[in-house]
Amino acid sequence: MLAVFGLVLSLAPAFAAPACLEARAKIDEASALRYQARQEARLGNHDRVCDTLDEVGDRYNDARDGFEDCGAGVVAIDLRTELRNLRIAKRVNRCD
């Protein structure tokens, strides 16, 4: 996740576009939701964990689309790694 934020910061001029700002907000939302999913897992609320991980995926997809729209395709490619990690988290929590 830190790699994504480092890459986001290095592309600062590209983020003047509204689509980039919205995409950045989606990454922030996804991070907060991942934290929430971890907390729900600790509490043993399996159904809520799966719902939250689905929401995280939606945010990452929205962010990837936003970065592609504003020309920051490198960040969009790096988000694929986060989506892959999300699929692993879903598998671990048996959310399929």
C-alpha atoms as a PDB file:
ATOM      1  CA  MET A   1       0.000   0.000   0.000  1.00  0.00           C
ATOM      2  CA  LEU A   2       2.849   2.375   0.769  1.00  0.00           C
ATOM      3  CA  ALA A   3       4.192   1.844  -2.736  1.00  0.00           C
ATOM      4  CA  VAL A   4       0.915   3.129  -4.135  1.00  0.00           C
ATOM      5  CA  PHE A   5       1.054   6.275  -2.012  1.00  0.00           C
ATOM      6  CA  GLY A   6       4.707   6.877  -2.902  1.00  0.00           C
ATOM      7  CA  LEU A   7       3.885   6.563  -6.556  1.00  0.00           C
ATOM      8  CA  VAL A   8       0.874   8.823  -6.105  1.00  0.00           C
ATOM      9  CA  LEU A   9       3.025  11.500  -4.512  1.00  0.00           C
ATOM     10  CA  SER A  10       5.669  11.273  -7.234  1.00  0.00           C
ATOM     11  CA  LEU A  11       3.032  11.993  -9.866  1.00  0.00           C
ATOM     12  CA  ALA A  12       1.789  15.135  -8.117  1.00  0.00           C
ATOM     13  CA  PRO A  13       1.439  17.295 -11.257  1.00  0.00           C
ATOM     14  CA  ALA A  14      -0.850  14.714 -12.831  1.00  0.00           C
ATOM     15  CA  PHE A  15      -3.157  14.964  -9.864  1.00  0.00           C
ATOM     16  CA  ALA A  16      -4.431  18.411 -10.691  1.00  0.00           C
ATOM     17  CA  ALA A  17      -7.225  16.833 -12.695  1.00  0.00           C
ATOM     18  CA  PRO A  18     -10.471  16.253 -10.791  1.00  0.00           C
ATOM     19  CA  ALA A  19     -10.485  12.583 -11.796  1.00  0.00           C
ATOM     20  CA  CYS A  20      -7.109  12.168 -10.086  1.00  0.00           C
ATOM     21  CA  LEU A  21      -8.330  13.849  -6.933  1.00  0.00           C
ATOM     22  CA  GLU A  22     -11.385  11.612  -6.849  1.00  0.00           C
ATOM     23  CA  ALA A  23      -9.225   8.544  -7.455  1.00  0.00           C
ATOM     24  CA  ARG A  24      -6.931   9.553  -4.587  1.00  0.00           C
ATOM     25  CA  ALA A  25      -9.988   9.871  -2.331  1.00  0.00           C
ATOM     26  CA  LYS A  26     -11.090   6.370  -3.380  1.00  0.00           C
ATOM     27  CA  ILE A  27      -7.697   4.975  -2.318  1.00  0.00           C
ATOM     28  CA  ASP A  28      -8.079   6.677   1.060  1.00  0.00           C
ATOM     29  CA  GLU A  29     -11.574   5.207   1.435  1.00  0.00           C
ATOM     30  CA  ALA A  30     -10.267   1.754   0.511  1.00  0.00           C
ATOM     31  CA  SER A  31      -7.552   2.016   3.156  1.00  0.00           C
ATOM     32  CA  ALA A  32     -10.086   2.922   5.811  1.00  0.00           C
ATOM     33  CA  LEU A  33     -12.340   0.062   4.748  1.00  0.00           C
ATOM     34  CA  ARG A  34      -9.436  -2.427   4.861  1.00  0.00           C
ATOM     35  CA  TYR A  35      -8.787  -1.338   8.425  1.00  0.00           C
ATOM     36  CA  GLN A  36     -12.476  -1.786   9.191  1.00  0.00           C
ATOM     37  CA  ALA A  37     -12.404  -5.282   7.656  1.00  0.00           C
ATOM     38  CA  ARG A  38      -9.450  -6.235   9.856  1.00  0.00           C
ATOM     39  CA  GLN A  39     -11.327  -5.036  12.922  1.00  0.00           C
ATOM     40  CA  GLU A  40     -14.441  -6.957  11.924  1.00  0.00           C
ATOM     41  CA  ALA A  41     -12.318 -10.077  11.430  1.00  0.00           C
ATOM     42  CA  ARG A  42     -10.888  -9.677  14.919  1.00  0.00           C
ATOM     43  CA  LEU A  43     -14.433  -9.482  16.272  1.00  0.00           C
ATOM     44  CA  GLY A  44     -15.426 -12.583  14.316  1.00  0.00           C
ATOM     45  CA  ASN A  45     -18.096 -10.909  12.191  1.00  0.00           C
ATOM     46  CA  HIS A  46     -17.487 -12.983   9.054  1.00  0.00           C
ATOM     47  CA  ASP A  47     -20.406 -11.646   6.987  1.00  0.00           C
ATOM     48  CA  ARG A  48     -19.423  -8.051   7.628  1.00  0.00           C
ATOM     49  CA  VAL A  49     -15.787  -8.787   6.725  1.00  0.00           C
ATOM     50  CA  CYS A  50     -16.847 -10.103   3.329  1.00  0.00           C
ATOM     51  CA  ASP A  51     -19.172  -7.171   2.682  1.00  0.00           C
ATOM     52  CA  THR A  52     -16.448  -4.710   3.625  1.00  0.00           C
ATOM     53  CA  LEU A  53     -13.870  -6.436   1.422  1.00  0.00           C
ATOM     54  CA  ASP A  54     -16.346  -6.184  -1.470  1.00  0.00           C
ATOM     55  CA  GLU A  55     -16.599  -2.448  -0.810  1.00  0.00           C
ATOM     56  CA  VAL A  56     -12.797  -2.199  -0.798  1.00  0.00           C
ATOM     57  CA  GLY A  57     -12.706  -3.829  -4.219  1.00  0.00           C
ATOM     58  CA  ASP A  58     -15.248  -1.355  -5.525  1.00  0.00           C
ATOM     59  CA  ARG A  59     -13.146   1.565  -4.264  1.00  0.00           C
ATOM     60  CA  TYR A  60      -9.961   0.177  -5.833  1.00  0.00           C
ATOM     61  CA  ASN A  61     -11.728  -0.340  -9.160  1.00  0.00           C
ATOM     62  CA  ASP A  62     -13.100   3.207  -9.050  1.00  0.00           C
ATOM     63  CA  ALA A  63      -9.626   4.538  -8.219  1.00  0.00           C
ATOM     64  CA  ARG A  64      -8.007   2.557 -11.040  1.00  0.00           C
ATOM     65  CA  ASP A  65     -10.551   3.921 -13.511  1.00  0.00           C
ATOM     66  CA  GLY A  66     -10.013   7.455 -12.230  1.00  0.00           C
ATOM     67  CA  PHE A  67      -6.253   7.234 -12.568  1.00  0.00           C
ATOM     68  CA  GLU A  68      -6.573   5.850 -16.079  1.00  0.00           C
ATOM     69  CA  ASP A  69      -8.909   8.742 -16.966  1.00  0.00           C
ATOM     70  CA  CYS A  70      -6.432  11.362 -15.785  1.00  0.00           C
ATOM     71  CA  GLY A  71      -3.416   9.781 -17.450  1.00  0.00           C
ATOM     72  CA  ALA A  72      -1.752   8.243 -14.404  1.00  0.00           C
ATOM     73  CA  GLY A  73      -1.803   4.733 -15.816  1.00  0.00           C
ATOM     74  CA  VAL A  74       1.242   3.686 -13.777  1.00  0.00           C
ATOM     75  CA  VAL A  75      -0.763   4.074 -10.583  1.00  0.00           C
ATOM     76  CA  ALA A  76      -3.630   2.154 -12.156  1.00  0.00           C
ATOM     77  CA  ILE A  77      -1.247  -0.705 -12.901  1.00  0.00           C
ATOM     78  CA  ASP A  78       0.049  -0.650  -9.313  1.00  0.00           C
ATOM     79  CA  LEU A  79      -3.526  -0.880  -8.050  1.00  0.00           C
ATOM     80  CA  ARG A  80      -3.729  -4.281  -9.710  1.00  0.00           C
ATOM     81  CA  THR A  81      -1.345  -5.485  -7.003  1.00  0.00           C
ATOM     82  CA  GLU A  82      -3.718  -4.188  -4.344  1.00  0.00           C
ATOM     83  CA  LEU A  83      -6.628  -5.926  -6.055  1.00  0.00           C
ATOM     84  CA  ARG A  84      -4.627  -9.154  -6.112  1.00  0.00           C
ATOM     85  CA  ASN A  85      -3.964  -8.782  -2.379  1.00  0.00           C
ATOM     86  CA  LEU A  86      -7.662  -8.178  -1.874  1.00  0.00           C
ATOM     87  CA  ARG A  87      -8.518 -11.418  -3.667  1.00  0.00           C
ATOM     88  CA  ILE A  88      -6.116 -13.219  -1.329  1.00  0.00           C
ATOM     89  CA  ALA A  89      -7.758 -11.608   1.707  1.00  0.00           C
ATOM     90  CA  LYS A  90     -11.158 -12.740   0.431  1.00  0.00           C
ATOM     91  CA  ARG A  91      -9.878 -16.259  -0.043  1.00  0.00           C
ATOM     92  CA  VAL A  92      -8.388 -16.318   3.469  1.00  0.00           C
ATOM     93  CA  ASN A  93     -11.699 -15.112   4.935  1.00  0.00           C
ATOM     94  CA  ARG A  94     -13.678 -17.534   2.731  1.00  0.00           C
ATOM     95  CA  CYS A  95     -15.658 -14.769   1.057  1.00  0.00           C
ATOM     96  CA  ASP A  96     -16.082 -16.454  -2.317  1.00  0.00           C
END
